[in-house]
Amino acid sequence: MDDPIRLDGMDQRILAALRENGRLSYEELGGKVGLSASAALRRVKRLEDAGVIAGYVALVRARRVGLGLTAYINVRMAKQSGGDKRDPLDLFSAAVVTWPEVVECVSLTGDTDLLLKVLVADMDHYTHFVMNTLLKHPSVQDCRTSFVMRPFKTNVTLV
């Protein structure tokens, strides 16, 4: 696991400002945190080089691009057969990165092996994805789904 980076107060203020608006110019950023533009640039570059800042993205509203249904799918993996040298989790992880419907996939402790966050247009799209993609994968034993009725909090600025 990566060791945490020691952040001083200025680093924390810079990160807070960038989490609020990642498109700030270095001049604007410096003004918000009390640095010159060149000092802000140096600090941000150091945070990027240290892997604290992983990248910059545009936040797209799923509903505005036709993805109106969010589902969380609990997946149980098939047990590895003695003769198969390939790990089912490795096979699945190679496949899941190619499925555009899946925006997040994490391994869990407990009764389920994986949790997928899936964005689809509607129930027909969901059904097609589950029946023709997810459940057809040889590593998947079964799945259970919960649908998002109303989100209360979303934080996409920490990964």
N, C-alpha and C. Protein backbone atom coordinates (compact mmCIF):
# COMPACT_ATOMS: atom_id res chain seq x y z
N MET A 1 0.85 -1.18 0.00
CA MET A 1 0.00 0.00 0.00
C MET A 1 0.89 1.24 0.00
N ASP A 2 0.45 2.27 -0.67
CA ASP A 2 1.21 3.52 -0.71
C ASP A 2 1.20 4.18 0.66
N ASP A 3 2.37 4.65 1.06
CA ASP A 3 2.45 5.38 2.32
C ASP A 3 1.81 6.75 2.14
N PRO A 4 1.10 7.21 3.17
CA PRO A 4 0.51 8.56 3.07
C PRO A 4 1.59 9.62 2.95
N ILE A 5 1.28 10.67 2.23
CA ILE A 5 2.17 11.81 2.06
C ILE A 5 1.84 12.82 3.17
N ARG A 6 2.86 13.37 3.78
CA ARG A 6 2.63 14.39 4.81
C ARG A 6 2.26 15.70 4.11
N LEU A 7 1.09 16.20 4.43
CA LEU A 7 0.59 17.44 3.84
C LEU A 7 0.60 18.54 4.88
N ASP A 8 1.13 19.69 4.53
CA ASP A 8 1.05 20.83 5.45
C ASP A 8 -0.25 21.58 5.18
N GLY A 9 -0.49 22.63 5.95
CA GLY A 9 -1.72 23.40 5.83
C GLY A 9 -1.92 23.99 4.45
N MET A 10 -0.82 24.44 3.82
CA MET A 10 -0.93 25.02 2.48
C MET A 10 -1.34 23.95 1.47
N ASP A 11 -0.75 22.75 1.57
CA ASP A 11 -1.13 21.66 0.68
C ASP A 11 -2.62 21.35 0.83
N GLN A 12 -3.09 21.32 2.05
CA GLN A 12 -4.49 21.02 2.30
C GLN A 12 -5.41 22.10 1.73
N ARG A 13 -5.02 23.37 1.84
CA ARG A 13 -5.82 24.45 1.26
C ARG A 13 -5.83 24.36 -0.26
N ILE A 14 -4.69 24.03 -0.85
CA ILE A 14 -4.61 23.87 -2.30
C ILE A 14 -5.52 22.74 -2.76
N LEU A 15 -5.45 21.60 -2.08
CA LEU A 15 -6.29 20.47 -2.45
C LEU A 15 -7.78 20.80 -2.30
N ALA A 16 -8.13 21.50 -1.24
CA ALA A 16 -9.54 21.88 -1.05
C ALA A 16 -10.01 22.79 -2.18
N ALA A 17 -9.17 23.73 -2.57
CA ALA A 17 -9.55 24.64 -3.66
C ALA A 17 -9.68 23.89 -4.98
N LEU A 18 -8.78 22.98 -5.25
CA LEU A 18 -8.83 22.22 -6.50
C LEU A 18 -9.98 21.21 -6.50
N ARG A 19 -10.33 20.67 -5.35
CA ARG A 19 -11.47 19.76 -5.27
C ARG A 19 -12.76 20.51 -5.55
N GLU A 20 -12.79 21.79 -5.20
CA GLU A 20 -13.96 22.61 -5.47
C GLU A 20 -14.02 23.03 -6.93
N ASN A 21 -12.85 23.34 -7.50
CA ASN A 21 -12.79 23.78 -8.91
C ASN A 21 -11.42 23.43 -9.47
N GLY A 22 -11.33 22.31 -10.17
CA GLY A 22 -10.06 21.86 -10.73
C GLY A 22 -9.60 22.66 -11.94
N ARG A 23 -10.39 23.63 -12.37
CA ARG A 23 -10.02 24.44 -13.54
C ARG A 23 -9.45 25.80 -13.15
N LEU A 24 -9.17 26.00 -11.88
CA LEU A 24 -8.58 27.27 -11.46
C LEU A 24 -7.24 27.48 -12.14
N SER A 25 -6.99 28.70 -12.58
CA SER A 25 -5.65 29.03 -13.06
C SER A 25 -4.73 29.08 -11.84
N TYR A 26 -3.43 29.04 -12.07
CA TYR A 26 -2.49 29.11 -10.95
C TYR A 26 -2.57 30.47 -10.26
N GLU A 27 -2.90 31.49 -11.02
CA GLU A 27 -3.08 32.81 -10.44
C GLU A 27 -4.30 32.83 -9.51
N GLU A 28 -5.41 32.24 -9.98
CA GLU A 28 -6.62 32.17 -9.16
C GLU A 28 -6.38 31.29 -7.93
N LEU A 29 -5.73 30.17 -8.14
CA LEU A 29 -5.44 29.27 -7.03
C LEU A 29 -4.56 29.95 -5.99
N GLY A 30 -3.51 30.59 -6.46
CA GLY A 30 -2.63 31.31 -5.54
C GLY A 30 -3.37 32.37 -4.76
N GLY A 31 -4.27 33.10 -5.42
CA GLY A 31 -5.06 34.11 -4.74
C GLY A 31 -5.94 33.52 -3.65
N LYS A 32 -6.50 32.34 -3.90
CA LYS A 32 -7.37 31.69 -2.91
C LYS A 32 -6.60 31.22 -1.68
N VAL A 33 -5.34 30.79 -1.90
CA VAL A 33 -4.61 30.18 -0.79
C VAL A 33 -3.48 31.05 -0.24
N GLY A 34 -3.28 32.22 -0.85
CA GLY A 34 -2.27 33.14 -0.36
C GLY A 34 -0.87 32.87 -0.87
N LEU A 35 -0.76 32.45 -2.12
CA LEU A 35 0.54 32.22 -2.76
C LEU A 35 0.60 32.97 -4.08
N SER A 36 1.82 33.15 -4.58
CA SER A 36 1.96 33.66 -5.95
C SER A 36 1.59 32.54 -6.91
N ALA A 37 1.33 32.90 -8.15
CA ALA A 37 1.00 31.90 -9.16
C ALA A 37 2.12 30.89 -9.32
N SER A 38 3.37 31.35 -9.34
CA SER A 38 4.50 30.42 -9.52
C SER A 38 4.65 29.49 -8.32
N ALA A 39 4.42 29.99 -7.11
CA ALA A 39 4.49 29.13 -5.92
C ALA A 39 3.35 28.10 -5.93
N ALA A 40 2.17 28.52 -6.36
CA ALA A 40 1.04 27.60 -6.47
C ALA A 40 1.35 26.51 -7.49
N LEU A 41 1.92 26.90 -8.63
CA LEU A 41 2.31 25.93 -9.65
C LEU A 41 3.30 24.91 -9.09
N ARG A 42 4.31 25.38 -8.38
CA ARG A 42 5.31 24.47 -7.81
C ARG A 42 4.66 23.49 -6.82
N ARG A 43 3.77 24.00 -5.98
CA ARG A 43 3.10 23.15 -5.01
C ARG A 43 2.22 22.09 -5.69
N VAL A 44 1.47 22.52 -6.70
CA VAL A 44 0.59 21.58 -7.41
C VAL A 44 1.43 20.53 -8.13
N LYS A 45 2.50 20.95 -8.77
CA LYS A 45 3.39 20.01 -9.47
C LYS A 45 3.95 18.98 -8.49
N ARG A 46 4.35 19.44 -7.31
CA ARG A 46 4.87 18.52 -6.29
C ARG A 46 3.79 17.53 -5.86
N LEU A 47 2.56 17.99 -5.68
CA LEU A 47 1.46 17.10 -5.31
C LEU A 47 1.14 16.10 -6.42
N GLU A 48 1.23 16.54 -7.66
CA GLU A 48 1.03 15.62 -8.79
C GLU A 48 2.15 14.58 -8.84
N ASP A 49 3.40 15.03 -8.73
CA ASP A 49 4.54 14.12 -8.79
C ASP A 49 4.52 13.09 -7.65
N ALA A 50 4.00 13.49 -6.50
CA ALA A 50 3.93 12.60 -5.35
C ALA A 50 2.74 11.63 -5.44
N GLY A 51 1.88 11.82 -6.46
CA GLY A 51 0.73 10.94 -6.63
C GLY A 51 -0.46 11.32 -5.75
N VAL A 52 -0.40 12.47 -5.10
CA VAL A 52 -1.53 12.93 -4.30
C VAL A 52 -2.67 13.35 -5.23
N ILE A 53 -2.35 14.13 -6.24
CA ILE A 53 -3.32 14.49 -7.28
C ILE A 53 -3.18 13.46 -8.39
N ALA A 54 -4.24 12.67 -8.57
CA ALA A 54 -4.19 11.57 -9.53
C ALA A 54 -4.54 12.01 -10.95
N GLY A 55 -5.23 13.12 -11.11
CA GLY A 55 -5.63 13.58 -12.43
C GLY A 55 -6.74 14.61 -12.32
N TYR A 56 -7.23 15.02 -13.47
CA TYR A 56 -8.28 16.03 -13.56
C TYR A 56 -9.36 15.51 -14.50
N VAL A 57 -10.62 15.73 -14.13
CA VAL A 57 -11.73 15.21 -14.93
C VAL A 57 -12.85 16.23 -15.03
N ALA A 58 -13.75 16.01 -15.96
CA ALA A 58 -15.00 16.75 -16.03
C ALA A 58 -16.07 15.87 -15.38
N LEU A 59 -16.89 16.44 -14.52
CA LEU A 59 -17.97 15.70 -13.90
C LEU A 59 -19.19 15.81 -14.81
N VAL A 60 -19.64 14.68 -15.33
CA VAL A 60 -20.74 14.63 -16.28
C VAL A 60 -21.98 14.13 -15.55
N ARG A 61 -23.07 14.85 -15.69
CA ARG A 61 -24.34 14.42 -15.08
C ARG A 61 -24.91 13.27 -15.93
N ALA A 62 -24.96 12.10 -15.31
CA ALA A 62 -25.37 10.88 -16.02
C ALA A 62 -26.74 11.03 -16.67
N ARG A 63 -27.69 11.59 -15.96
CA ARG A 63 -29.04 11.73 -16.51
C ARG A 63 -29.06 12.61 -17.77
N ARG A 64 -28.19 13.62 -17.81
CA ARG A 64 -28.17 14.53 -18.96
C ARG A 64 -27.61 13.87 -20.20
N VAL A 65 -26.93 12.73 -20.04
CA VAL A 65 -26.41 12.01 -21.21
C VAL A 65 -27.13 10.67 -21.39
N GLY A 66 -28.34 10.58 -20.82
CA GLY A 66 -29.18 9.42 -21.07
C GLY A 66 -28.95 8.22 -20.17
N LEU A 67 -28.22 8.39 -19.09
CA LEU A 67 -27.98 7.28 -18.16
C LEU A 67 -28.77 7.54 -16.88
N GLY A 68 -30.06 7.21 -16.92
CA GLY A 68 -30.97 7.59 -15.85
C GLY A 68 -31.14 6.57 -14.74
N LEU A 69 -30.51 5.41 -14.84
CA LEU A 69 -30.69 4.37 -13.83
C LEU A 69 -29.33 3.97 -13.27
N THR A 70 -29.19 4.06 -11.95
CA THR A 70 -27.97 3.64 -11.28
C THR A 70 -28.28 2.40 -10.45
N ALA A 71 -27.43 1.40 -10.59
CA ALA A 71 -27.60 0.15 -9.85
C ALA A 71 -26.29 -0.22 -9.17
N TYR A 72 -26.42 -0.81 -8.00
CA TYR A 72 -25.28 -1.43 -7.31
C TYR A 72 -25.51 -2.93 -7.36
N ILE A 73 -24.56 -3.62 -7.95
CA ILE A 73 -24.71 -5.06 -8.14
C ILE A 73 -23.68 -5.79 -7.28
N ASN A 74 -24.18 -6.63 -6.37
CA ASN A 74 -23.32 -7.50 -5.57
C ASN A 74 -23.08 -8.77 -6.37
N VAL A 75 -21.82 -9.09 -6.59
CA VAL A 75 -21.46 -10.24 -7.43
C VAL A 75 -20.74 -11.28 -6.58
N ARG A 76 -21.20 -12.52 -6.71
CA ARG A 76 -20.47 -13.65 -6.11
C ARG A 76 -19.75 -14.37 -7.24
N MET A 77 -18.47 -14.62 -7.00
CA MET A 77 -17.64 -15.26 -8.01
C MET A 77 -17.78 -16.78 -7.91
N ALA A 78 -17.60 -17.44 -9.06
CA ALA A 78 -17.57 -18.89 -9.10
C ALA A 78 -16.31 -19.37 -8.40
N LYS A 79 -16.38 -20.52 -7.81
CA LYS A 79 -15.21 -21.09 -7.15
C LYS A 79 -14.23 -21.57 -8.21
N GLN A 80 -12.96 -21.43 -7.90
CA GLN A 80 -11.91 -21.85 -8.84
C GLN A 80 -11.87 -23.37 -8.89
N SER A 81 -11.90 -23.91 -10.10
CA SER A 81 -11.81 -25.36 -10.25
C SER A 81 -10.34 -25.76 -10.16
N GLY A 82 -10.11 -26.96 -9.70
CA GLY A 82 -8.74 -27.43 -9.50
C GLY A 82 -7.91 -27.47 -10.77
N GLY A 83 -8.56 -27.76 -11.92
CA GLY A 83 -7.82 -27.89 -13.16
C GLY A 83 -7.55 -26.57 -13.87
N ASP A 84 -8.28 -25.54 -13.50
CA ASP A 84 -8.13 -24.25 -14.18
C ASP A 84 -7.04 -23.43 -13.50
N LYS A 85 -6.02 -23.08 -14.25
CA LYS A 85 -4.89 -22.33 -13.70
C LYS A 85 -5.20 -20.84 -13.55
N ARG A 86 -6.22 -20.36 -14.26
CA ARG A 86 -6.53 -18.93 -14.22
C ARG A 86 -7.47 -18.62 -13.06
N ASP A 87 -7.17 -17.58 -12.34
CA ASP A 87 -7.98 -17.14 -11.21
C ASP A 87 -9.24 -16.46 -11.76
N PRO A 88 -10.44 -16.88 -11.28
CA PRO A 88 -11.68 -16.25 -11.76
C PRO A 88 -11.69 -14.73 -11.56
N LEU A 89 -11.10 -14.26 -10.48
CA LEU A 89 -11.06 -12.82 -10.23
C LEU A 89 -10.21 -12.11 -11.28
N ASP A 90 -9.10 -12.72 -11.67
CA ASP A 90 -8.26 -12.13 -12.71
C ASP A 90 -9.01 -12.08 -14.05
N LEU A 91 -9.71 -13.16 -14.37
CA LEU A 91 -10.49 -13.19 -15.61
C LEU A 91 -11.57 -12.12 -15.59
N PHE A 92 -12.25 -12.00 -14.46
CA PHE A 92 -13.33 -11.02 -14.34
C PHE A 92 -12.79 -9.60 -14.41
N SER A 93 -11.70 -9.33 -13.70
CA SER A 93 -11.17 -7.97 -13.68
C SER A 93 -10.71 -7.53 -15.07
N ALA A 94 -10.21 -8.47 -15.86
CA ALA A 94 -9.82 -8.14 -17.24
C ALA A 94 -11.05 -7.80 -18.09
N ALA A 95 -12.17 -8.44 -17.82
CA ALA A 95 -13.39 -8.18 -18.60
C ALA A 95 -14.10 -6.91 -18.14
N VAL A 96 -14.20 -6.70 -16.82
CA VAL A 96 -15.02 -5.60 -16.30
C VAL A 96 -14.49 -4.24 -16.76
N VAL A 97 -13.21 -4.10 -16.96
CA VAL A 97 -12.68 -2.81 -17.40
C VAL A 97 -13.13 -2.45 -18.81
N THR A 98 -13.64 -3.41 -19.56
CA THR A 98 -14.11 -3.15 -20.92
C THR A 98 -15.61 -2.86 -20.99
N TRP A 99 -16.31 -3.00 -19.88
CA TRP A 99 -17.77 -2.81 -19.87
C TRP A 99 -18.09 -1.36 -19.53
N PRO A 100 -18.60 -0.59 -20.48
CA PRO A 100 -18.84 0.84 -20.22
C PRO A 100 -19.92 1.09 -19.17
N GLU A 101 -20.80 0.17 -18.96
CA GLU A 101 -21.86 0.35 -17.96
C GLU A 101 -21.30 0.41 -16.53
N VAL A 102 -20.18 -0.25 -16.31
CA VAL A 102 -19.59 -0.33 -14.97
C VAL A 102 -18.68 0.87 -14.77
N VAL A 103 -19.05 1.73 -13.80
CA VAL A 103 -18.22 2.91 -13.52
C VAL A 103 -17.34 2.70 -12.30
N GLU A 104 -17.62 1.67 -11.53
CA GLU A 104 -16.78 1.35 -10.38
C GLU A 104 -16.95 -0.13 -10.05
N CYS A 105 -15.85 -0.77 -9.68
CA CYS A 105 -15.87 -2.17 -9.28
C CYS A 105 -14.86 -2.32 -8.16
N VAL A 106 -15.32 -2.82 -7.02
CA VAL A 106 -14.45 -3.01 -5.87
C VAL A 106 -14.63 -4.42 -5.30
N SER A 107 -13.55 -4.95 -4.75
CA SER A 107 -13.57 -6.23 -4.06
C SER A 107 -13.97 -5.98 -2.61
N LEU A 108 -14.81 -6.85 -2.06
CA LEU A 108 -15.34 -6.66 -0.72
C LEU A 108 -15.04 -7.84 0.19
N THR A 109 -15.14 -7.59 1.49
CA THR A 109 -15.19 -8.67 2.46
C THR A 109 -16.65 -9.01 2.68
N GLY A 110 -16.92 -10.15 3.28
CA GLY A 110 -18.30 -10.50 3.59
C GLY A 110 -18.89 -11.50 2.62
N ASP A 111 -20.20 -11.45 2.47
CA ASP A 111 -20.94 -12.44 1.69
C ASP A 111 -20.75 -12.31 0.19
N THR A 112 -20.45 -11.13 -0.29
CA THR A 112 -20.26 -10.94 -1.72
C THR A 112 -18.78 -10.68 -2.00
N ASP A 113 -18.40 -10.99 -3.22
CA ASP A 113 -16.99 -10.82 -3.60
C ASP A 113 -16.72 -9.43 -4.17
N LEU A 114 -17.65 -8.92 -4.97
CA LEU A 114 -17.45 -7.66 -5.68
C LEU A 114 -18.71 -6.81 -5.61
N LEU A 115 -18.50 -5.51 -5.68
CA LEU A 115 -19.61 -4.57 -5.80
C LEU A 115 -19.37 -3.73 -7.04
N LEU A 116 -20.35 -3.73 -7.93
CA LEU A 116 -20.27 -2.95 -9.16
C LEU A 116 -21.25 -1.78 -9.07
N LYS A 117 -20.79 -0.61 -9.43
CA LYS A 117 -21.70 0.53 -9.63
C LYS A 117 -21.90 0.62 -11.13
N VAL A 118 -23.16 0.55 -11.53
CA VAL A 118 -23.51 0.47 -12.95
C VAL A 118 -24.44 1.63 -13.30
N LEU A 119 -24.14 2.32 -14.40
CA LEU A 119 -25.01 3.37 -14.93
C LEU A 119 -25.54 2.91 -16.28
N VAL A 120 -26.87 2.89 -16.40
CA VAL A 120 -27.52 2.46 -17.63
C VAL A 120 -28.66 3.42 -17.96
N ALA A 121 -29.17 3.31 -19.18
CA ALA A 121 -30.23 4.21 -19.62
C ALA A 121 -31.55 3.92 -18.90
N ASP A 122 -31.89 2.63 -18.80
CA ASP A 122 -33.20 2.26 -18.27
C ASP A 122 -33.18 0.79 -17.89
N MET A 123 -34.34 0.26 -17.49
CA MET A 123 -34.42 -1.14 -17.06
C MET A 123 -34.11 -2.11 -18.19
N ASP A 124 -34.48 -1.77 -19.41
CA ASP A 124 -34.14 -2.65 -20.54
C ASP A 124 -32.63 -2.74 -20.72
N HIS A 125 -31.95 -1.61 -20.62
CA HIS A 125 -30.49 -1.58 -20.73
C HIS A 125 -29.87 -2.40 -19.59
N TYR A 126 -30.38 -2.22 -18.38
CA TYR A 126 -29.89 -2.98 -17.22
C TYR A 126 -30.07 -4.48 -17.46
N THR A 127 -31.27 -4.87 -17.87
CA THR A 127 -31.56 -6.29 -18.09
C THR A 127 -30.63 -6.88 -19.14
N HIS A 128 -30.44 -6.16 -20.21
CA HIS A 128 -29.53 -6.63 -21.27
C HIS A 128 -28.11 -6.79 -20.74
N PHE A 129 -27.64 -5.82 -19.98
CA PHE A 129 -26.29 -5.89 -19.42
C PHE A 129 -26.13 -7.10 -18.50
N VAL A 130 -27.08 -7.28 -17.58
CA VAL A 130 -26.97 -8.39 -16.62
C VAL A 130 -27.09 -9.74 -17.32
N MET A 131 -28.08 -9.88 -18.17
CA MET A 131 -28.34 -11.20 -18.79
C MET A 131 -27.32 -11.56 -19.87
N ASN A 132 -26.87 -10.57 -20.63
CA ASN A 132 -26.02 -10.88 -21.78
C ASN A 132 -24.54 -10.60 -21.57
N THR A 133 -24.19 -9.92 -20.49
CA THR A 133 -22.78 -9.63 -20.23
C THR A 133 -22.35 -10.20 -18.89
N LEU A 134 -22.93 -9.68 -17.82
CA LEU A 134 -22.47 -10.04 -16.48
C LEU A 134 -22.66 -11.52 -16.17
N LEU A 135 -23.87 -12.03 -16.28
CA LEU A 135 -24.14 -13.42 -15.92
C LEU A 135 -23.59 -14.42 -16.92
N LYS A 136 -23.22 -13.97 -18.10
CA LYS A 136 -22.60 -14.88 -19.07
C LYS A 136 -21.09 -15.03 -18.84
N HIS A 137 -20.54 -14.18 -17.97
CA HIS A 137 -19.11 -14.30 -17.71
C HIS A 137 -18.87 -15.56 -16.88
N PRO A 138 -17.92 -16.40 -17.27
CA PRO A 138 -17.71 -17.68 -16.58
C PRO A 138 -17.27 -17.55 -15.13
N SER A 139 -16.77 -16.42 -14.73
CA SER A 139 -16.32 -16.25 -13.35
C SER A 139 -17.45 -15.88 -12.40
N VAL A 140 -18.61 -15.53 -12.94
CA VAL A 140 -19.72 -15.05 -12.10
C VAL A 140 -20.64 -16.20 -11.75
N GLN A 141 -20.87 -16.36 -10.44
CA GLN A 141 -21.81 -17.38 -9.97
C GLN A 141 -23.22 -16.81 -9.94
N ASP A 142 -23.39 -15.66 -9.28
CA ASP A 142 -24.70 -15.00 -9.26
C ASP A 142 -24.53 -13.55 -8.84
N CYS A 143 -25.65 -12.81 -8.85
CA CYS A 143 -25.60 -11.40 -8.47
C CYS A 143 -26.93 -10.98 -7.86
N ARG A 144 -26.85 -9.92 -7.07
CA ARG A 144 -28.03 -9.28 -6.48
C ARG A 144 -27.90 -7.78 -6.72
N THR A 145 -29.01 -7.13 -7.03
CA THR A 145 -28.97 -5.73 -7.41
C THR A 145 -29.83 -4.87 -6.49
N SER A 146 -29.31 -3.69 -6.20
CA SER A 146 -30.09 -2.64 -5.55
C SER A 146 -30.05 -1.43 -6.47
N PHE A 147 -31.21 -0.79 -6.63
CA PHE A 147 -31.29 0.39 -7.50
C PHE A 147 -31.30 1.65 -6.66
N VAL A 148 -30.66 2.68 -7.14
CA VAL A 148 -30.63 3.97 -6.45
C VAL A 148 -31.96 4.67 -6.70
N MET A 149 -32.64 5.01 -5.61
CA MET A 149 -33.89 5.76 -5.73
C MET A 149 -33.61 7.26 -5.71
N ARG A 150 -32.75 7.66 -4.76
CA ARG A 150 -32.42 9.08 -4.64
C ARG A 150 -31.07 9.20 -3.94
N PRO A 151 -30.11 9.82 -4.59
CA PRO A 151 -28.80 10.00 -3.94
C PRO A 151 -28.86 11.13 -2.92
N PHE A 152 -28.19 10.94 -1.79
CA PHE A 152 -28.14 11.98 -0.76
C PHE A 152 -26.77 12.64 -0.70
N LYS A 153 -25.74 11.89 -0.98
CA LYS A 153 -24.39 12.44 -0.95
C LYS A 153 -23.52 11.71 -1.95
N THR A 154 -22.80 12.47 -2.73
CA THR A 154 -21.84 11.91 -3.67
C THR A 154 -20.57 12.73 -3.56
N ASN A 155 -19.45 12.08 -3.38
CA ASN A 155 -18.16 12.75 -3.34
C ASN A 155 -17.25 12.04 -4.30
N VAL A 156 -16.96 12.67 -5.40
CA VAL A 156 -16.10 12.05 -6.41
C VAL A 156 -14.72 12.68 -6.44
N THR A 157 -14.38 13.46 -5.43
CA THR A 157 -13.09 14.13 -5.45
C THR A 157 -12.00 13.36 -4.71
N LEU A 158 -12.36 12.22 -4.12
CA LEU A 158 -11.38 11.35 -3.49
C LEU A 158 -11.46 9.98 -4.13
N VAL A 159 -10.31 9.45 -4.52
CA VAL A 159 -10.30 8.10 -5.12
C VAL A 159 -9.40 7.18 -4.35
